[in-house]
Amino acid sequence: MNKNFIIKNNLEQIVGDRFIVDMMYATPDNIILYPVYLEVGFGDQAYVHVDVAVRLQKLADELAAQRLKLRIRDAYRPPIAHRRILELIKIEGLFASIPENSLHCYGTAIDCCLTDEKGRNLKFPTEIDGYEKKFAKQLAKGQVEPFYKHLEKARQDFLDTRYAEEINNRELLRQLMTSVGFETINSEWWHFQLPNGKTDYPMIEYD
């Protein structure tokens, strides 16, 4: 057992002073406005596949050198929680249509951002998941266009001189994460995953 991770079954729990666990679906402060992880008994805890844990462990020293921390907003997502999310928000394309299509349900993806030493988030083009309460309330009413317009700023290729600091922080996060072997996706600056994170790994059910 190392100082950053506690092993449990085939997942490892993220702990340690370089990681701030702040799972967004354990609170109502998310795009569905509901604490799904609490409802299913999962709580505010971050687990990842061992291969993710190894990469994060390598990252810890570099975070310390740059006086940064990593805020974990989502990691392993129990399939039962994913199914519950789909029940609560029926907007096609907002979440993977089935748990088998979400790398979070395999423990091979995390959603994260950088903070300073005091745990204050650096500025990014959007919040993680694009969350803002006004958009969440609109989505609950079926109003999708304002949110999808907002999500244009979440793309990895979003460039706008008005967001210079935010884009620099996005690039720093991407550099740090890819340096230890994570892949990005174009549509979400906060999402990082293992190569072949679905094809080479089993989906993990939560008991």
N, C-alpha and C. Protein backbone atom coordinates (compact mmCIF):
# COMPACT_ATOMS: atom_id res chain seq x y z
N MET A 1 0.84 -1.19 0.00
CA MET A 1 0.00 0.00 0.00
C MET A 1 0.89 1.25 0.00
N ASN A 2 0.59 2.22 -0.85
CA ASN A 2 1.39 3.43 -0.88
C ASN A 2 0.63 4.58 -0.23
N LYS A 3 1.27 5.72 -0.14
CA LYS A 3 0.70 6.83 0.62
C LYS A 3 -0.46 7.52 -0.07
N ASN A 4 -0.64 7.29 -1.37
CA ASN A 4 -1.65 8.02 -2.12
C ASN A 4 -2.93 7.23 -2.38
N PHE A 5 -2.89 5.90 -2.25
CA PHE A 5 -4.03 5.11 -2.64
C PHE A 5 -4.29 3.98 -1.65
N ILE A 6 -5.56 3.73 -1.38
CA ILE A 6 -5.97 2.63 -0.53
C ILE A 6 -6.66 1.60 -1.42
N ILE A 7 -6.16 0.37 -1.44
CA ILE A 7 -6.69 -0.65 -2.34
C ILE A 7 -7.95 -1.27 -1.76
N LYS A 8 -8.97 -1.42 -2.59
CA LYS A 8 -10.20 -2.08 -2.20
C LYS A 8 -10.72 -2.85 -3.41
N ASN A 9 -10.73 -4.18 -3.29
CA ASN A 9 -11.16 -5.03 -4.40
C ASN A 9 -10.31 -4.74 -5.63
N ASN A 10 -10.96 -4.50 -6.78
CA ASN A 10 -10.18 -4.26 -7.99
C ASN A 10 -10.11 -2.77 -8.34
N LEU A 11 -10.46 -1.92 -7.40
CA LEU A 11 -10.33 -0.47 -7.57
C LEU A 11 -9.43 0.06 -6.47
N GLU A 12 -8.88 1.24 -6.70
CA GLU A 12 -8.09 1.90 -5.67
C GLU A 12 -8.71 3.24 -5.34
N GLN A 13 -8.82 3.53 -4.06
CA GLN A 13 -9.39 4.79 -3.62
C GLN A 13 -8.32 5.87 -3.63
N ILE A 14 -8.66 7.01 -4.19
CA ILE A 14 -7.71 8.12 -4.27
C ILE A 14 -7.70 8.87 -2.95
N VAL A 15 -6.54 8.97 -2.35
CA VAL A 15 -6.33 9.78 -1.15
C VAL A 15 -4.96 10.45 -1.30
N GLY A 16 -4.59 11.31 -0.38
CA GLY A 16 -3.28 11.93 -0.43
C GLY A 16 -3.38 13.44 -0.56
N ASP A 17 -2.32 14.14 -0.16
CA ASP A 17 -2.39 15.59 -0.06
C ASP A 17 -2.33 16.31 -1.39
N ARG A 18 -2.07 15.61 -2.48
CA ARG A 18 -2.08 16.26 -3.81
C ARG A 18 -3.42 16.11 -4.50
N PHE A 19 -4.37 15.40 -3.86
CA PHE A 19 -5.66 15.12 -4.49
C PHE A 19 -6.79 15.59 -3.58
N ILE A 20 -7.70 16.34 -4.14
CA ILE A 20 -8.89 16.80 -3.43
C ILE A 20 -10.09 16.06 -4.01
N VAL A 21 -10.69 15.21 -3.21
CA VAL A 21 -11.85 14.45 -3.68
C VAL A 21 -13.11 15.27 -3.43
N ASP A 22 -13.81 15.56 -4.51
CA ASP A 22 -14.98 16.45 -4.47
C ASP A 22 -15.95 15.99 -5.54
N MET A 23 -16.52 14.82 -5.33
CA MET A 23 -17.32 14.17 -6.38
C MET A 23 -18.63 14.93 -6.61
N MET A 24 -18.81 15.42 -7.82
CA MET A 24 -19.94 16.32 -8.09
C MET A 24 -21.29 15.62 -7.99
N TYR A 25 -21.34 14.33 -8.26
CA TYR A 25 -22.64 13.64 -8.19
C TYR A 25 -22.94 13.10 -6.79
N ALA A 26 -22.11 13.48 -5.83
CA ALA A 26 -22.42 13.21 -4.43
C ALA A 26 -23.10 14.41 -3.78
N THR A 27 -23.31 15.47 -4.55
CA THR A 27 -23.98 16.68 -4.08
C THR A 27 -25.06 17.04 -5.10
N PRO A 28 -25.94 18.00 -4.77
CA PRO A 28 -26.90 18.48 -5.77
C PRO A 28 -26.31 19.52 -6.70
N ASP A 29 -25.04 19.89 -6.50
CA ASP A 29 -24.41 20.91 -7.34
C ASP A 29 -23.81 20.27 -8.58
N ASN A 30 -24.70 19.83 -9.46
CA ASN A 30 -24.29 19.23 -10.73
C ASN A 30 -25.39 19.47 -11.75
N ILE A 31 -25.15 19.06 -12.96
CA ILE A 31 -26.05 19.42 -14.06
C ILE A 31 -27.42 18.78 -13.94
N ILE A 32 -27.56 17.74 -13.10
CA ILE A 32 -28.88 17.14 -12.89
C ILE A 32 -29.51 17.58 -11.57
N LEU A 33 -28.77 18.36 -10.77
CA LEU A 33 -29.27 18.95 -9.52
C LEU A 33 -29.71 17.89 -8.51
N TYR A 34 -28.97 16.78 -8.49
CA TYR A 34 -29.38 15.68 -7.60
C TYR A 34 -28.16 14.88 -7.15
N PRO A 35 -28.08 14.50 -5.86
CA PRO A 35 -26.93 13.75 -5.33
C PRO A 35 -27.06 12.25 -5.57
N VAL A 36 -26.89 11.83 -6.80
CA VAL A 36 -27.10 10.43 -7.19
C VAL A 36 -26.20 9.48 -6.40
N TYR A 37 -24.93 9.85 -6.22
CA TYR A 37 -24.00 8.94 -5.55
C TYR A 37 -24.40 8.69 -4.10
N LEU A 38 -24.98 9.69 -3.46
CA LEU A 38 -25.46 9.48 -2.09
C LEU A 38 -26.67 8.55 -2.11
N GLU A 39 -27.55 8.73 -3.07
CA GLU A 39 -28.77 7.91 -3.14
C GLU A 39 -28.44 6.43 -3.28
N VAL A 40 -27.43 6.10 -4.10
CA VAL A 40 -27.11 4.69 -4.34
C VAL A 40 -26.15 4.13 -3.30
N GLY A 41 -25.77 4.95 -2.31
CA GLY A 41 -24.91 4.46 -1.24
C GLY A 41 -23.43 4.51 -1.55
N PHE A 42 -23.05 5.22 -2.60
CA PHE A 42 -21.64 5.29 -2.98
C PHE A 42 -20.92 6.42 -2.25
N GLY A 43 -21.59 7.52 -2.06
CA GLY A 43 -21.03 8.62 -1.29
C GLY A 43 -20.01 9.43 -2.04
N ASP A 44 -19.25 10.22 -1.28
CA ASP A 44 -18.26 11.13 -1.84
C ASP A 44 -16.88 10.49 -1.74
N GLN A 45 -16.64 9.52 -2.61
CA GLN A 45 -15.36 8.82 -2.61
C GLN A 45 -14.94 8.58 -4.05
N ALA A 46 -13.66 8.62 -4.29
CA ALA A 46 -13.14 8.50 -5.65
C ALA A 46 -12.31 7.22 -5.78
N TYR A 47 -12.79 6.31 -6.59
CA TYR A 47 -12.07 5.08 -6.90
C TYR A 47 -11.70 5.08 -8.39
N VAL A 48 -10.59 4.46 -8.70
CA VAL A 48 -10.15 4.33 -10.09
C VAL A 48 -9.52 2.96 -10.28
N HIS A 49 -9.46 2.54 -11.53
CA HIS A 49 -8.75 1.30 -11.85
C HIS A 49 -7.27 1.46 -11.47
N VAL A 50 -6.64 0.36 -11.13
CA VAL A 50 -5.24 0.39 -10.71
C VAL A 50 -4.34 1.08 -11.74
N ASP A 51 -4.64 0.93 -13.03
CA ASP A 51 -3.80 1.54 -14.06
C ASP A 51 -3.95 3.07 -14.06
N VAL A 52 -5.11 3.57 -13.67
CA VAL A 52 -5.27 5.00 -13.48
C VAL A 52 -4.50 5.46 -12.25
N ALA A 53 -4.62 4.67 -11.18
CA ALA A 53 -3.94 5.01 -9.93
C ALA A 53 -2.44 5.15 -10.12
N VAL A 54 -1.85 4.26 -10.89
CA VAL A 54 -0.41 4.31 -11.15
C VAL A 54 -0.03 5.63 -11.81
N ARG A 55 -0.84 6.06 -12.76
CA ARG A 55 -0.55 7.31 -13.45
C ARG A 55 -0.70 8.52 -12.53
N LEU A 56 -1.73 8.50 -11.71
CA LEU A 56 -1.92 9.61 -10.77
C LEU A 56 -0.80 9.65 -9.74
N GLN A 57 -0.34 8.50 -9.34
CA GLN A 57 0.78 8.47 -8.39
C GLN A 57 2.02 9.11 -8.99
N LYS A 58 2.27 8.84 -10.27
CA LYS A 58 3.40 9.46 -10.95
C LYS A 58 3.22 10.98 -11.03
N LEU A 59 1.98 11.41 -11.16
CA LEU A 59 1.69 12.83 -11.30
C LEU A 59 1.89 13.61 -10.00
N ALA A 60 1.77 12.94 -8.86
CA ALA A 60 1.76 13.63 -7.57
C ALA A 60 3.02 14.45 -7.35
N ASP A 61 4.17 13.92 -7.69
CA ASP A 61 5.43 14.65 -7.47
C ASP A 61 5.49 15.92 -8.31
N GLU A 62 5.02 15.84 -9.54
CA GLU A 62 5.05 17.03 -10.41
C GLU A 62 4.06 18.08 -9.91
N LEU A 63 2.90 17.64 -9.42
CA LEU A 63 1.96 18.58 -8.82
C LEU A 63 2.60 19.30 -7.64
N ALA A 64 3.29 18.55 -6.81
CA ALA A 64 3.95 19.16 -5.66
C ALA A 64 5.02 20.14 -6.10
N ALA A 65 5.78 19.80 -7.13
CA ALA A 65 6.84 20.67 -7.62
C ALA A 65 6.29 22.00 -8.13
N GLN A 66 5.08 21.95 -8.69
CA GLN A 66 4.46 23.17 -9.21
C GLN A 66 3.50 23.80 -8.21
N ARG A 67 3.48 23.28 -7.00
CA ARG A 67 2.62 23.80 -5.93
C ARG A 67 1.15 23.80 -6.38
N LEU A 68 0.73 22.67 -6.93
CA LEU A 68 -0.63 22.49 -7.42
C LEU A 68 -1.25 21.25 -6.80
N LYS A 69 -2.56 21.19 -6.86
CA LYS A 69 -3.29 19.99 -6.48
C LYS A 69 -4.29 19.66 -7.58
N LEU A 70 -4.80 18.42 -7.55
CA LEU A 70 -5.77 17.97 -8.54
C LEU A 70 -7.10 17.73 -7.83
N ARG A 71 -8.11 18.46 -8.25
CA ARG A 71 -9.45 18.25 -7.71
C ARG A 71 -10.17 17.20 -8.55
N ILE A 72 -10.56 16.10 -7.92
CA ILE A 72 -11.26 15.01 -8.61
C ILE A 72 -12.75 15.23 -8.47
N ARG A 73 -13.44 15.48 -9.59
CA ARG A 73 -14.87 15.74 -9.57
C ARG A 73 -15.70 14.53 -9.99
N ASP A 74 -15.08 13.61 -10.70
CA ASP A 74 -15.73 12.33 -10.97
C ASP A 74 -14.64 11.33 -11.33
N ALA A 75 -14.88 10.08 -10.99
CA ALA A 75 -13.92 9.01 -11.26
C ALA A 75 -14.73 7.77 -11.62
N TYR A 76 -14.50 6.65 -10.89
CA TYR A 76 -15.36 5.48 -11.12
C TYR A 76 -16.80 5.83 -10.80
N ARG A 77 -17.68 5.48 -11.73
CA ARG A 77 -19.12 5.71 -11.55
C ARG A 77 -19.83 4.36 -11.55
N PRO A 78 -20.45 3.98 -10.45
CA PRO A 78 -21.16 2.71 -10.43
C PRO A 78 -22.23 2.67 -11.53
N PRO A 79 -22.34 1.58 -12.28
CA PRO A 79 -23.36 1.50 -13.31
C PRO A 79 -24.77 1.81 -12.79
N ILE A 80 -25.06 1.42 -11.54
CA ILE A 80 -26.38 1.72 -10.99
C ILE A 80 -26.59 3.23 -10.90
N ALA A 81 -25.52 3.97 -10.61
CA ALA A 81 -25.63 5.43 -10.56
C ALA A 81 -25.81 6.01 -11.95
N HIS A 82 -25.12 5.45 -12.93
CA HIS A 82 -25.27 5.94 -14.30
C HIS A 82 -26.70 5.72 -14.79
N ARG A 83 -27.26 4.56 -14.49
CA ARG A 83 -28.64 4.29 -14.90
C ARG A 83 -29.60 5.27 -14.23
N ARG A 84 -29.34 5.60 -12.98
CA ARG A 84 -30.19 6.54 -12.26
C ARG A 84 -30.08 7.94 -12.86
N ILE A 85 -28.89 8.34 -13.27
CA ILE A 85 -28.71 9.62 -13.94
C ILE A 85 -29.56 9.69 -15.20
N LEU A 86 -29.55 8.61 -15.98
CA LEU A 86 -30.33 8.58 -17.21
C LEU A 86 -31.83 8.66 -16.94
N GLU A 87 -32.26 8.16 -15.79
CA GLU A 87 -33.66 8.29 -15.41
C GLU A 87 -34.02 9.73 -15.06
N LEU A 88 -33.06 10.43 -14.47
CA LEU A 88 -33.34 11.77 -13.95
C LEU A 88 -33.25 12.84 -15.03
N ILE A 89 -32.42 12.64 -16.03
CA ILE A 89 -32.29 13.65 -17.08
C ILE A 89 -32.34 12.94 -18.43
N LYS A 90 -33.41 13.14 -19.12
CA LYS A 90 -33.68 12.38 -20.35
C LYS A 90 -33.36 13.22 -21.59
N ILE A 91 -32.15 13.75 -21.62
CA ILE A 91 -31.70 14.53 -22.77
C ILE A 91 -30.65 13.72 -23.50
N GLU A 92 -30.99 13.31 -24.69
CA GLU A 92 -30.11 12.42 -25.45
C GLU A 92 -28.77 13.08 -25.72
N GLY A 93 -27.69 12.36 -25.47
CA GLY A 93 -26.36 12.84 -25.76
C GLY A 93 -25.66 13.53 -24.61
N LEU A 94 -26.38 13.86 -23.56
CA LEU A 94 -25.76 14.54 -22.43
C LEU A 94 -24.89 13.57 -21.63
N PHE A 95 -25.34 12.34 -21.49
CA PHE A 95 -24.57 11.27 -20.86
C PHE A 95 -24.56 10.07 -21.80
N ALA A 96 -23.59 9.19 -21.63
CA ALA A 96 -23.56 7.96 -22.42
C ALA A 96 -24.89 7.23 -22.27
N SER A 97 -25.40 6.70 -23.37
CA SER A 97 -26.76 6.15 -23.40
C SER A 97 -26.94 4.91 -22.54
N ILE A 98 -25.86 4.21 -22.25
CA ILE A 98 -25.87 3.04 -21.37
C ILE A 98 -24.55 3.03 -20.59
N PRO A 99 -24.52 2.42 -19.41
CA PRO A 99 -23.26 2.38 -18.65
C PRO A 99 -22.10 1.77 -19.42
N GLU A 100 -22.39 0.80 -20.26
CA GLU A 100 -21.33 0.13 -21.03
C GLU A 100 -20.58 1.09 -21.94
N ASN A 101 -21.17 2.25 -22.23
CA ASN A 101 -20.53 3.22 -23.11
C ASN A 101 -19.78 4.31 -22.36
N SER A 102 -19.80 4.27 -21.04
CA SER A 102 -19.12 5.29 -20.23
C SER A 102 -17.87 4.71 -19.59
N LEU A 103 -16.72 5.31 -19.88
CA LEU A 103 -15.47 4.83 -19.29
C LEU A 103 -15.44 5.04 -17.79
N HIS A 104 -16.27 5.94 -17.27
CA HIS A 104 -16.34 6.11 -15.81
C HIS A 104 -16.81 4.82 -15.15
N CYS A 105 -17.66 4.06 -15.82
CA CYS A 105 -18.18 2.82 -15.25
C CYS A 105 -17.14 1.69 -15.30
N TYR A 106 -16.02 1.94 -15.96
CA TYR A 106 -14.92 0.99 -16.01
C TYR A 106 -13.79 1.39 -15.06
N GLY A 107 -13.94 2.57 -14.45
CA GLY A 107 -12.88 3.08 -13.58
C GLY A 107 -11.68 3.61 -14.33
N THR A 108 -11.84 3.86 -15.64
CA THR A 108 -10.70 4.24 -16.47
C THR A 108 -10.75 5.69 -16.94
N ALA A 109 -11.61 6.50 -16.33
CA ALA A 109 -11.70 7.91 -16.68
C ALA A 109 -11.89 8.74 -15.42
N ILE A 110 -11.36 9.95 -15.45
CA ILE A 110 -11.60 10.89 -14.36
C ILE A 110 -11.92 12.27 -14.94
N ASP A 111 -12.69 13.04 -14.19
CA ASP A 111 -12.95 14.44 -14.49
C ASP A 111 -12.28 15.26 -13.40
N CYS A 112 -11.46 16.23 -13.79
CA CYS A 112 -10.63 16.90 -12.80
C CYS A 112 -10.24 18.30 -13.25
N CYS A 113 -9.75 19.08 -12.28
CA CYS A 113 -9.17 20.38 -12.58
C CYS A 113 -8.02 20.63 -11.62
N LEU A 114 -7.28 21.69 -11.85
CA LEU A 114 -6.16 22.06 -11.00
C LEU A 114 -6.59 23.09 -9.97
N THR A 115 -5.96 23.01 -8.80
CA THR A 115 -6.16 24.03 -7.77
C THR A 115 -4.79 24.51 -7.29
N ASP A 116 -4.80 25.61 -6.52
CA ASP A 116 -3.57 26.03 -5.87
C ASP A 116 -3.39 25.24 -4.58
N GLU A 117 -2.37 25.58 -3.81
CA GLU A 117 -2.06 24.84 -2.58
C GLU A 117 -3.19 24.92 -1.55
N LYS A 118 -3.98 25.97 -1.61
CA LYS A 118 -5.07 26.14 -0.66
C LYS A 118 -6.38 25.53 -1.15
N GLY A 119 -6.33 24.84 -2.28
CA GLY A 119 -7.52 24.18 -2.80
C GLY A 119 -8.44 25.08 -3.59
N ARG A 120 -7.96 26.24 -4.00
CA ARG A 120 -8.76 27.15 -4.81
C ARG A 120 -8.58 26.80 -6.28
N ASN A 121 -9.69 26.56 -6.97
CA ASN A 121 -9.61 26.17 -8.37
C ASN A 121 -8.93 27.24 -9.21
N LEU A 122 -8.04 26.81 -10.11
CA LEU A 122 -7.58 27.72 -11.14
C LEU A 122 -8.73 28.01 -12.09
N LYS A 123 -8.60 29.08 -12.85
CA LYS A 123 -9.66 29.44 -13.79
C LYS A 123 -9.59 28.57 -15.04
N PHE A 124 -10.74 28.10 -15.48
CA PHE A 124 -10.86 27.32 -16.71
C PHE A 124 -12.00 27.89 -17.54
N PRO A 125 -12.07 27.52 -18.83
CA PRO A 125 -13.10 28.13 -19.69
C PRO A 125 -14.53 27.89 -19.22
N THR A 126 -14.79 26.76 -18.55
CA THR A 126 -16.10 26.48 -17.96
C THR A 126 -15.86 25.75 -16.64
N GLU A 127 -16.92 25.56 -15.89
CA GLU A 127 -16.85 24.63 -14.77
C GLU A 127 -16.78 23.20 -15.32
N ILE A 128 -16.33 22.26 -14.51
CA ILE A 128 -16.35 20.86 -14.92
C ILE A 128 -17.79 20.45 -15.20
N ASP A 129 -17.98 19.71 -16.27
CA ASP A 129 -19.31 19.28 -16.74
C ASP A 129 -20.10 20.44 -17.31
N GLY A 130 -19.47 21.62 -17.44
CA GLY A 130 -20.19 22.79 -17.91
C GLY A 130 -21.23 23.29 -16.94
N TYR A 131 -21.12 22.83 -15.69
CA TYR A 131 -22.19 23.11 -14.72
C TYR A 131 -22.29 24.58 -14.35
N GLU A 132 -23.50 25.09 -14.46
CA GLU A 132 -23.94 26.33 -13.83
C GLU A 132 -25.40 26.11 -13.49
N LYS A 133 -25.82 26.60 -12.35
CA LYS A 133 -27.18 26.31 -11.89
C LYS A 133 -28.22 26.78 -12.89
N LYS A 134 -27.98 27.92 -13.54
CA LYS A 134 -28.97 28.42 -14.50
C LYS A 134 -29.16 27.45 -15.66
N PHE A 135 -28.06 26.83 -16.12
CA PHE A 135 -28.18 25.86 -17.21
C PHE A 135 -28.85 24.59 -16.72
N ALA A 136 -28.54 24.16 -15.52
CA ALA A 136 -29.17 22.96 -14.97
C ALA A 136 -30.68 23.14 -14.88
N LYS A 137 -31.12 24.31 -14.45
CA LYS A 137 -32.56 24.57 -14.35
C LYS A 137 -33.21 24.60 -15.73
N GLN A 138 -32.49 25.15 -16.72
CA GLN A 138 -33.03 25.15 -18.08
C GLN A 138 -33.13 23.73 -18.64
N LEU A 139 -32.10 22.92 -18.39
CA LEU A 139 -32.13 21.54 -18.87
C LEU A 139 -33.28 20.76 -18.24
N ALA A 140 -33.55 21.03 -16.96
CA ALA A 140 -34.66 20.35 -16.28
C ALA A 140 -35.99 20.66 -16.95
N LYS A 141 -36.07 21.80 -17.63
CA LYS A 141 -37.28 22.20 -18.35
C LYS A 141 -37.23 21.80 -19.83
N GLY A 142 -36.15 21.11 -20.22
CA GLY A 142 -36.02 20.68 -21.61
C GLY A 142 -35.42 21.72 -22.53
N GLN A 143 -34.88 22.80 -21.98
CA GLN A 143 -34.27 23.86 -22.77
C GLN A 143 -32.79 23.55 -22.92
N VAL A 144 -32.38 23.08 -24.08
CA VAL A 144 -31.03 22.56 -24.26
C VAL A 144 -30.09 23.51 -25.00
N GLU A 145 -30.62 24.38 -25.84
CA GLU A 145 -29.76 25.16 -26.72
C GLU A 145 -28.78 26.07 -25.97
N PRO A 146 -29.20 26.80 -24.93
CA PRO A 146 -28.22 27.65 -24.21
C PRO A 146 -27.07 26.86 -23.63
N PHE A 147 -27.36 25.67 -23.10
CA PHE A 147 -26.30 24.86 -22.51
C PHE A 147 -25.33 24.35 -23.56
N TYR A 148 -25.84 23.88 -24.68
CA TYR A 148 -24.95 23.37 -25.72
C TYR A 148 -24.12 24.49 -26.33
N LYS A 149 -24.67 25.69 -26.38
CA LYS A 149 -23.88 26.84 -26.84
C LYS A 149 -22.75 27.11 -25.85
N HIS A 150 -23.06 27.06 -24.57
CA HIS A 150 -22.07 27.25 -23.51
C HIS A 150 -20.96 26.20 -23.61
N LEU A 151 -21.30 24.97 -23.96
CA LEU A 151 -20.33 23.88 -24.01
C LEU A 151 -19.30 24.05 -25.12
N GLU A 152 -19.51 24.97 -26.03
CA GLU A 152 -18.49 25.23 -27.04
C GLU A 152 -17.19 25.68 -26.38
N LYS A 153 -17.29 26.33 -25.23
CA LYS A 153 -16.10 26.77 -24.51
C LYS A 153 -15.38 25.62 -23.81
N ALA A 154 -16.05 24.47 -23.70
CA ALA A 154 -15.45 23.31 -23.04
C ALA A 154 -14.54 22.52 -23.96
N ARG A 155 -14.54 22.83 -25.24
CA ARG A 155 -13.76 22.06 -26.19
C ARG A 155 -12.27 22.31 -26.01
N GLN A 156 -11.47 21.30 -26.30
CA GLN A 156 -10.02 21.42 -26.21
C GLN A 156 -9.47 22.42 -27.23
N ASP A 157 -10.20 22.66 -28.32
CA ASP A 157 -9.72 23.58 -29.34
C ASP A 157 -10.37 24.95 -29.25
N PHE A 158 -11.06 25.24 -28.15
CA PHE A 158 -11.65 26.55 -27.96
C PHE A 158 -10.55 27.59 -27.76
N LEU A 159 -10.58 28.64 -28.57
CA LEU A 159 -9.60 29.71 -28.49
C LEU A 159 -10.32 31.05 -28.52
N ASP A 160 -10.05 31.88 -27.54
CA ASP A 160 -10.65 33.20 -27.47
C ASP A 160 -9.75 34.04 -26.57
N THR A 161 -9.26 35.15 -27.09
CA THR A 161 -8.31 35.96 -26.33
C THR A 161 -8.89 36.49 -25.03
N ARG A 162 -10.21 36.53 -24.91
CA ARG A 162 -10.83 36.97 -23.67
C ARG A 162 -10.66 35.94 -22.55
N TYR A 163 -10.27 34.73 -22.92
CA TYR A 163 -10.11 33.64 -21.95
C TYR A 163 -8.66 33.15 -21.91
N ALA A 164 -7.72 34.07 -22.00
CA ALA A 164 -6.31 33.68 -22.09
C ALA A 164 -5.84 32.90 -20.86
N GLU A 165 -6.18 33.38 -19.67
CA GLU A 165 -5.76 32.68 -18.45
C GLU A 165 -6.40 31.31 -18.35
N GLU A 166 -7.68 31.24 -18.68
CA GLU A 166 -8.40 29.97 -18.61
C GLU A 166 -7.82 28.95 -19.59
N ILE A 167 -7.49 29.41 -20.79
CA ILE A 167 -6.95 28.50 -21.80
C ILE A 167 -5.54 28.05 -21.41
N ASN A 168 -4.75 28.95 -20.84
CA ASN A 168 -3.41 28.56 -20.37
C ASN A 168 -3.51 27.47 -19.29
N ASN A 169 -4.47 27.62 -18.39
CA ASN A 169 -4.65 26.60 -17.35
C ASN A 169 -5.14 25.29 -17.94
N ARG A 170 -6.01 25.38 -18.93
CA ARG A 170 -6.47 24.17 -19.63
C ARG A 170 -5.29 23.44 -20.26
N GLU A 171 -4.40 24.19 -20.88
CA GLU A 171 -3.25 23.57 -21.53
C GLU A 171 -2.28 22.99 -20.51
N LEU A 172 -2.12 23.65 -19.38
CA LEU A 172 -1.27 23.11 -18.33
C LEU A 172 -1.82 21.79 -17.81
N LEU A 173 -3.12 21.75 -17.56
CA LEU A 173 -3.75 20.50 -17.11
C LEU A 173 -3.57 19.39 -18.13
N ARG A 174 -3.81 19.72 -19.39
CA ARG A 174 -3.67 18.70 -20.45
C ARG A 174 -2.23 18.20 -20.53
N GLN A 175 -1.26 19.11 -20.42
CA GLN A 175 0.15 18.71 -20.47
C GLN A 175 0.49 17.77 -19.32
N LEU A 176 0.03 18.12 -18.12
CA LEU A 176 0.33 17.29 -16.96
C LEU A 176 -0.28 15.90 -17.09
N MET A 177 -1.52 15.85 -17.51
CA MET A 177 -2.23 14.57 -17.57
C MET A 177 -1.70 13.68 -18.70
N THR A 178 -1.44 14.26 -19.84
CA THR A 178 -0.94 13.45 -20.96
C THR A 178 0.50 13.00 -20.71
N SER A 179 1.24 13.75 -19.88
CA SER A 179 2.63 13.37 -19.61
C SER A 179 2.74 12.06 -18.85
N VAL A 180 1.66 11.66 -18.16
CA VAL A 180 1.67 10.39 -17.43
C VAL A 180 0.81 9.33 -18.12
N GLY A 181 0.37 9.61 -19.35
CA GLY A 181 -0.25 8.57 -20.14
C GLY A 181 -1.75 8.63 -20.33
N PHE A 182 -2.39 9.73 -19.92
CA PHE A 182 -3.82 9.86 -20.15
C PHE A 182 -4.09 10.41 -21.54
N GLU A 183 -5.27 10.08 -22.05
CA GLU A 183 -5.77 10.65 -23.30
C GLU A 183 -6.83 11.70 -22.97
N THR A 184 -7.01 12.63 -23.92
CA THR A 184 -8.08 13.62 -23.80
C THR A 184 -9.20 13.27 -24.79
N ILE A 185 -10.32 13.97 -24.63
CA ILE A 185 -11.34 13.96 -25.67
C ILE A 185 -11.58 15.41 -26.07
N ASN A 186 -11.95 15.64 -27.31
CA ASN A 186 -12.01 17.00 -27.83
C ASN A 186 -13.08 17.85 -27.17
N SER A 187 -14.16 17.23 -26.72
CA SER A 187 -15.32 18.00 -26.30
C SER A 187 -15.29 18.45 -24.84
N GLU A 188 -14.35 17.92 -24.03
CA GLU A 188 -14.35 18.22 -22.60
C GLU A 188 -12.93 18.44 -22.09
N TRP A 189 -12.61 19.65 -21.68
CA TRP A 189 -11.25 19.93 -21.21
C TRP A 189 -10.93 19.18 -19.92
N TRP A 190 -11.95 18.79 -19.15
CA TRP A 190 -11.76 18.21 -17.81
C TRP A 190 -11.66 16.68 -17.81
N HIS A 191 -11.94 16.03 -18.92
CA HIS A 191 -12.05 14.58 -18.99
C HIS A 191 -10.75 13.96 -19.48
N PHE A 192 -10.25 12.97 -18.70
CA PHE A 192 -9.03 12.24 -19.07
C PHE A 192 -9.27 10.74 -18.89
N GLN A 193 -8.71 9.95 -19.79
CA GLN A 193 -9.01 8.52 -19.79
C GLN A 193 -7.80 7.71 -20.21
N LEU A 194 -7.87 6.41 -19.89
CA LEU A 194 -6.82 5.50 -20.33
C LEU A 194 -7.00 5.17 -21.81
N PRO A 195 -5.91 5.00 -22.54
CA PRO A 195 -6.02 4.45 -23.90
C PRO A 195 -6.71 3.09 -23.84
N ASN A 196 -7.63 2.86 -24.75
CA ASN A 196 -8.38 1.59 -24.77
C ASN A 196 -9.06 1.32 -23.43
N GLY A 197 -9.54 2.39 -22.80
CA GLY A 197 -10.12 2.27 -21.46
C GLY A 197 -11.39 1.48 -21.37
N LYS A 198 -11.99 1.19 -22.51
CA LYS A 198 -13.19 0.36 -22.51
C LYS A 198 -12.92 -1.02 -23.11
N THR A 199 -12.14 -1.06 -24.18
CA THR A 199 -11.92 -2.33 -24.87
C THR A 199 -11.00 -3.27 -24.09
N ASP A 200 -10.06 -2.72 -23.33
CA ASP A 200 -9.08 -3.55 -22.62
C ASP A 200 -9.43 -3.78 -21.14
N TYR A 201 -10.58 -3.26 -20.69
CA TYR A 201 -10.94 -3.36 -19.28
C TYR A 201 -12.40 -3.78 -19.14
N PRO A 202 -12.75 -4.45 -18.05
CA PRO A 202 -14.15 -4.82 -17.83
C PRO A 202 -14.92 -3.70 -17.14
N MET A 203 -16.20 -3.62 -17.41
CA MET A 203 -17.04 -2.72 -16.63
C MET A 203 -17.14 -3.27 -15.21
N ILE A 204 -17.15 -2.38 -14.23
CA ILE A 204 -17.10 -2.80 -12.83
C ILE A 204 -18.45 -2.50 -12.16
N GLU A 205 -19.10 -3.54 -11.71
CA GLU A 205 -20.35 -3.35 -10.96
C GLU A 205 -20.03 -2.99 -9.51
N TYR A 206 -20.92 -2.25 -8.90
CA TYR A 206 -20.73 -1.81 -7.51
C TYR A 206 -21.70 -2.53 -6.62
N ASP A 207 -21.19 -3.15 -5.59
CA ASP A 207 -22.03 -3.88 -4.62
C ASP A 207 -22.33 -2.95 -3.46
